[in-house]
């Protein structure tokens, strides 16, 4: 089994946990990019640790927390009690001021770095996955450092550039021989992967991209969180590079601002 810890029990966490349970019970592998990675299957994933700061989720079993406000992913499979109580995390910059109505922090003591390190070790966590809101720079680095100190692999699923830059935490991870992966993730069939495919097709057919743009509009808390432009910058950079990197001149396209990809509205 692979013991996985989650930081941020939002919509992605809900879909991830429900999907793992679905494939664990199903004979079908339809929708999976890889049925087997090494010797592991989806059913080998066990969620053993969870952190959030919301009063709606902290102190609640993870199986219930994934459906708590403001999450909006539909329930498509019944999740049994997981025996994992969501723990109070450290707020830092994990909640934007305009999101306090949606992410109402629990009135509980916040853990120290040493507390998180001890928790990760005591709960036998193998991999810690960062699913915090976009723009959580300080908070992401806090949990990344805790994971590395605990000798736990860290998967950074948001665009805070830790694994992909000359970050001291990344260097610490290499020195500690702790895997660190990132940064950011794409939806399985979202706008960015479609945009990448179109840009790749242009190159494959002997043409070249002169200018291209992608405007993402959505109605979940992820898009609402990014109404604050300061929290949007890293997401825009991540998506723009994902598209530009399909071409032979990505640096030029970005420098001359001839590629744009990123969130542009909340409805």
Foldseek 3Di string as FASTA:
>chain_A
DAEEEEEDLAQVVLVLQLVLVVVLPDPDPPPDPDQQDPHDGSVVYAYQEYEAFAPQAAQDFSQVSNVTFPHDDDRPDRDPRRPYGYHYADCQPLADPVCCVRRVGDPDDHDDLVVLLVVCLVRVHQEYEYDGAQQRQPRLVSVLQSCLVNLHEYEAAYLRPDCPDPHVSNVSSVVSVRHYHDDHDDDPDDDLVVLQVVQLVCVVVPHHQQADEAEDEEAGVNLVRCVPVSSWVSQFVVSQLSNLVSDPPSVVCVVVVRYTYGYDYHD
